[in-house]
Amino acid sequence: MLIEIKDKWGDIILSGEYESIKDCVESNRDVNFSYADFRGADFSGADFRDANLYGANFRDAINYRDQHSIFQEMIRQQKVDTFSESEWAAIAQIIVHSLCWNSIKKRFADVIPHVFEILANQGYSEWLDYWNELLSENTKE
């Protein structure tokens, strides 16, 4: 299928025939995706590791829950005073170490829910939704 990735001004950053957005992104790791408009994209299985996503728009994107690079960019777009010092410390550990969900739950259960709530209020709810799923699984056990 033809995939075109445009920036927020409508200029084409990348265009070509790909099987999916995942295939497109992974085939073009050297492309600068700064200010890319990924609205509505499905990121199932995509790997953005080392991609430059500065200023990218992910509004209405789906299946980004396990994307540390997207999480990092959404955090970067927040005002510095949005999070407490303990939340920033947790965020840094998650980003630097690409922590899995079990590690996040084990190490930061007291501070990270508020971070996910803030992102959910801005339209990025997959992290909070999954967090709540994890918590409900614990109560069933």
C-alpha atoms as a PDB file:
ATOM      1  CA  MET A   1       0.000   0.000   0.000  1.00  0.00           C
ATOM      2  CA  LEU A   2       1.113   3.569  -0.547  1.00  0.00           C
ATOM      3  CA  ILE A   3       2.199   5.177   2.705  1.00  0.00           C
ATOM      4  CA  GLU A   4       2.931   8.874   2.896  1.00  0.00           C
ATOM      5  CA  ILE A   5       4.236  10.434   6.053  1.00  0.00           C
ATOM      6  CA  LYS A   6       3.834  14.181   6.131  1.00  0.00           C
ATOM      7  CA  ASP A   7       5.017  16.761   8.596  1.00  0.00           C
ATOM      8  CA  LYS A   8       2.675  19.084  10.440  1.00  0.00           C
ATOM      9  CA  TRP A   9       2.862  21.588   7.569  1.00  0.00           C
ATOM     10  CA  GLY A  10       1.733  19.010   5.004  1.00  0.00           C
ATOM     11  CA  ASP A  11       5.129  18.489   3.360  1.00  0.00           C
ATOM     12  CA  ILE A  12       5.925  14.862   2.521  1.00  0.00           C
ATOM     13  CA  ILE A  13       8.732  13.403   4.640  1.00  0.00           C
ATOM     14  CA  LEU A  14       8.525   9.907   3.159  1.00  0.00           C
ATOM     15  CA  SER A  15       6.447   8.215   0.506  1.00  0.00           C
ATOM     16  CA  GLY A  16       6.499   4.687  -0.859  1.00  0.00           C
ATOM     17  CA  GLU A  17       4.911   1.277  -1.125  1.00  0.00           C
ATOM     18  CA  TYR A  18       5.013  -0.617   2.174  1.00  0.00           C
ATOM     19  CA  GLU A  19       3.030  -3.408   3.788  1.00  0.00           C
ATOM     20  CA  SER A  20       2.358  -1.325   6.906  1.00  0.00           C
ATOM     21  CA  ILE A  21       3.500   1.720   8.877  1.00  0.00           C
ATOM     22  CA  LYS A  22       5.698  -0.736  10.810  1.00  0.00           C
ATOM     23  CA  ASP A  23       7.427  -1.811   7.596  1.00  0.00           C
ATOM     24  CA  CYS A  24       7.777   1.822   6.490  1.00  0.00           C
ATOM     25  CA  VAL A  25       9.336   3.030   9.746  1.00  0.00           C
ATOM     26  CA  GLU A  26      11.661   0.068  10.137  1.00  0.00           C
ATOM     27  CA  SER A  27      12.816   0.322   6.519  1.00  0.00           C
ATOM     28  CA  ASN A  28      13.684   3.996   6.964  1.00  0.00           C
ATOM     29  CA  ARG A  29      15.403   4.312  10.328  1.00  0.00           C
ATOM     30  CA  ASP A  30      17.678   7.031   8.980  1.00  0.00           C
ATOM     31  CA  VAL A  31      14.732   9.307   8.104  1.00  0.00           C
ATOM     32  CA  ASN A  32      14.158  12.262  10.403  1.00  0.00           C
ATOM     33  CA  PHE A  33      10.547  11.980  11.583  1.00  0.00           C
ATOM     34  CA  SER A  34      10.645  15.326  13.395  1.00  0.00           C
ATOM     35  CA  TYR A  35       7.204  16.912  13.332  1.00  0.00           C
ATOM     36  CA  ALA A  36       5.790  13.914  11.453  1.00  0.00           C
ATOM     37  CA  ASP A  37       2.024  13.606  11.475  1.00  0.00           C
ATOM     38  CA  PHE A  38       1.199  10.042  12.533  1.00  0.00           C
ATOM     39  CA  ARG A  39      -2.452  10.764  13.306  1.00  0.00           C
ATOM     40  CA  GLY A  40      -4.499   7.582  13.196  1.00  0.00           C
ATOM     41  CA  ALA A  41      -1.519   5.303  12.440  1.00  0.00           C
ATOM     42  CA  ASP A  42      -1.448   1.727  13.730  1.00  0.00           C
ATOM     43  CA  PHE A  43       1.892   1.014  15.393  1.00  0.00           C
ATOM     44  CA  SER A  44       1.354  -2.701  16.057  1.00  0.00           C
ATOM     45  CA  GLY A  45       4.797  -4.214  16.391  1.00  0.00           C
ATOM     46  CA  ALA A  46       6.639  -1.173  15.023  1.00  0.00           C
ATOM     47  CA  ASP A  47      10.096  -0.452  16.383  1.00  0.00           C
ATOM     48  CA  PHE A  48      10.950   3.246  16.599  1.00  0.00           C
ATOM     49  CA  ARG A  49      14.193   2.666  18.482  1.00  0.00           C
ATOM     50  CA  ASP A  50      16.657   5.425  17.545  1.00  0.00           C
ATOM     51  CA  ALA A  51      14.091   7.246  15.372  1.00  0.00           C
ATOM     52  CA  ASN A  52      13.919  11.029  15.713  1.00  0.00           C
ATOM     53  CA  LEU A  53      10.306  11.709  16.705  1.00  0.00           C
ATOM     54  CA  TYR A  54      10.808  15.240  17.976  1.00  0.00           C
ATOM     55  CA  GLY A  55       7.514  17.125  17.771  1.00  0.00           C
ATOM     56  CA  ALA A  56       5.671  14.243  16.079  1.00  0.00           C
ATOM     57  CA  ASN A  57       1.880  14.160  16.298  1.00  0.00           C
ATOM     58  CA  PHE A  58       0.453  10.813  17.422  1.00  0.00           C
ATOM     59  CA  ARG A  59      -3.148  11.958  17.922  1.00  0.00           C
ATOM     60  CA  ASP A  60      -5.571   9.056  17.392  1.00  0.00           C
ATOM     61  CA  ALA A  61      -2.703   6.608  16.805  1.00  0.00           C
ATOM     62  CA  ILE A  62      -3.307   3.074  18.019  1.00  0.00           C
ATOM     63  CA  ASN A  63      -1.251   0.198  19.382  1.00  0.00           C
ATOM     64  CA  TYR A  64       1.569   2.387  20.692  1.00  0.00           C
ATOM     65  CA  ARG A  65       1.444   0.998  24.234  1.00  0.00           C
ATOM     66  CA  ASP A  66       4.824  -0.776  24.058  1.00  0.00           C
ATOM     67  CA  GLN A  67       6.608   1.993  22.166  1.00  0.00           C
ATOM     68  CA  HIS A  68       9.180   3.535  24.485  1.00  0.00           C
ATOM     69  CA  SER A  69      10.117   6.081  21.810  1.00  0.00           C
ATOM     70  CA  ILE A  70       6.545   7.350  21.565  1.00  0.00           C
ATOM     71  CA  PHE A  71       6.274   7.456  25.364  1.00  0.00           C
ATOM     72  CA  GLN A  72       9.523   9.436  25.472  1.00  0.00           C
ATOM     73  CA  GLU A  73       8.259  11.956  22.916  1.00  0.00           C
ATOM     74  CA  MET A  74       4.896  12.370  24.660  1.00  0.00           C
ATOM     75  CA  ILE A  75       6.742  13.037  27.921  1.00  0.00           C
ATOM     76  CA  ARG A  76       9.138  15.449  26.199  1.00  0.00           C
ATOM     77  CA  GLN A  77       6.196  17.459  24.915  1.00  0.00           C
ATOM     78  CA  GLN A  78       4.990  18.127  28.477  1.00  0.00           C
ATOM     79  CA  LYS A  79       5.876  21.212  30.481  1.00  0.00           C
ATOM     80  CA  VAL A  80       8.687  20.566  32.929  1.00  0.00           C
ATOM     81  CA  ASP A  81       6.487  21.297  35.942  1.00  0.00           C
ATOM     82  CA  THR A  82       3.837  18.779  34.829  1.00  0.00           C
ATOM     83  CA  PHE A  83       5.457  15.999  36.850  1.00  0.00           C
ATOM     84  CA  SER A  84       6.869  15.755  40.366  1.00  0.00           C
ATOM     85  CA  GLU A  85      10.516  14.911  40.998  1.00  0.00           C
ATOM     86  CA  SER A  86       9.625  11.316  41.881  1.00  0.00           C
ATOM     87  CA  GLU A  87       7.589  11.011  38.674  1.00  0.00           C
ATOM     88  CA  TRP A  88      10.505  12.378  36.621  1.00  0.00           C
ATOM     89  CA  ALA A  89      12.791   9.836  38.282  1.00  0.00           C
ATOM     90  CA  ALA A  90      10.425   7.000  37.337  1.00  0.00           C
ATOM     91  CA  ILE A  91      10.023   8.338  33.790  1.00  0.00           C
ATOM     92  CA  ALA A  92      13.797   8.505  33.372  1.00  0.00           C
ATOM     93  CA  GLN A  93      14.223   4.899  34.503  1.00  0.00           C
ATOM     94  CA  ILE A  94      11.482   3.681  32.172  1.00  0.00           C
ATOM     95  CA  ILE A  95      12.956   5.495  29.172  1.00  0.00           C
ATOM     96  CA  VAL A  96      16.644   4.841  29.800  1.00  0.00           C
ATOM     97  CA  HIS A  97      16.222   1.161  30.613  1.00  0.00           C
ATOM     98  CA  SER A  98      13.220   0.425  28.336  1.00  0.00           C
ATOM     99  CA  LEU A  99      11.562  -1.262  31.282  1.00  0.00           C
ATOM    100  CA  CYS A 100       8.913  -3.888  30.710  1.00  0.00           C
ATOM    101  CA  TRP A 101       5.451  -3.526  32.237  1.00  0.00           C
ATOM    102  CA  ASN A 102       6.169  -5.939  35.094  1.00  0.00           C
ATOM    103  CA  SER A 103       9.237  -3.934  36.111  1.00  0.00           C
ATOM    104  CA  ILE A 104       7.292  -0.674  35.904  1.00  0.00           C
ATOM    105  CA  LYS A 105       4.526  -2.140  38.064  1.00  0.00           C
ATOM    106  CA  LYS A 106       6.998  -3.532  40.599  1.00  0.00           C
ATOM    107  CA  ARG A 107       9.215  -0.453  40.882  1.00  0.00           C
ATOM    108  CA  PHE A 108       6.928   2.534  40.255  1.00  0.00           C
ATOM    109  CA  ALA A 109       3.391   1.550  41.202  1.00  0.00           C
ATOM    110  CA  ASP A 110       3.139   4.505  43.558  1.00  0.00           C
ATOM    111  CA  VAL A 111       4.106   7.265  41.090  1.00  0.00           C
ATOM    112  CA  ILE A 112       3.573   6.180  37.489  1.00  0.00           C
ATOM    113  CA  PRO A 113      -0.275   6.064  37.432  1.00  0.00           C
ATOM    114  CA  HIS A 114      -0.403   9.872  37.647  1.00  0.00           C
ATOM    115  CA  VAL A 115       1.930  10.142  34.637  1.00  0.00           C
ATOM    116  CA  PHE A 116      -0.353   7.835  32.627  1.00  0.00           C
ATOM    117  CA  GLU A 117      -3.411   9.845  33.751  1.00  0.00           C
ATOM    118  CA  ILE A 118      -1.869  13.075  32.473  1.00  0.00           C
ATOM    119  CA  LEU A 119      -1.094  11.507  29.097  1.00  0.00           C
ATOM    120  CA  ALA A 120      -4.595   9.970  28.946  1.00  0.00           C
ATOM    121  CA  ASN A 121      -6.148  13.395  29.547  1.00  0.00           C
ATOM    122  CA  GLN A 122      -4.294  14.570  26.440  1.00  0.00           C
ATOM    123  CA  GLY A 123      -5.686  11.749  24.301  1.00  0.00           C
ATOM    124  CA  TYR A 124      -3.021   9.093  24.845  1.00  0.00           C
ATOM    125  CA  SER A 125      -4.852   6.553  26.976  1.00  0.00           C
ATOM    126  CA  GLU A 126      -3.306   3.223  25.950  1.00  0.00           C
ATOM    127  CA  TRP A 127      -0.741   3.355  28.771  1.00  0.00           C
ATOM    128  CA  LEU A 128      -3.356   4.074  31.440  1.00  0.00           C
ATOM    129  CA  ASP A 129      -5.777   1.521  30.003  1.00  0.00           C
ATOM    130  CA  TYR A 130      -3.110  -1.172  30.098  1.00  0.00           C
ATOM    131  CA  TRP A 131      -1.998  -0.126  33.573  1.00  0.00           C
ATOM    132  CA  ASN A 132      -5.572  -0.561  34.787  1.00  0.00           C
ATOM    133  CA  GLU A 133      -5.706  -3.988  33.103  1.00  0.00           C
ATOM    134  CA  LEU A 134      -2.568  -5.016  34.976  1.00  0.00           C
ATOM    135  CA  LEU A 135      -4.057  -3.872  38.263  1.00  0.00           C
ATOM    136  CA  SER A 136      -7.331  -5.705  37.644  1.00  0.00           C
ATOM    137  CA  GLU A 137      -5.395  -8.903  36.857  1.00  0.00           C
ATOM    138  CA  ASN A 138      -3.707  -8.605  40.266  1.00  0.00           C
ATOM    139  CA  THR A 139      -7.024  -8.341  42.081  1.00  0.00           C
ATOM    140  CA  LYS A 140      -8.289 -11.503  40.325  1.00  0.00           C
ATOM    141  CA  GLU A 141      -5.332 -13.553  41.545  1.00  0.00           C
END
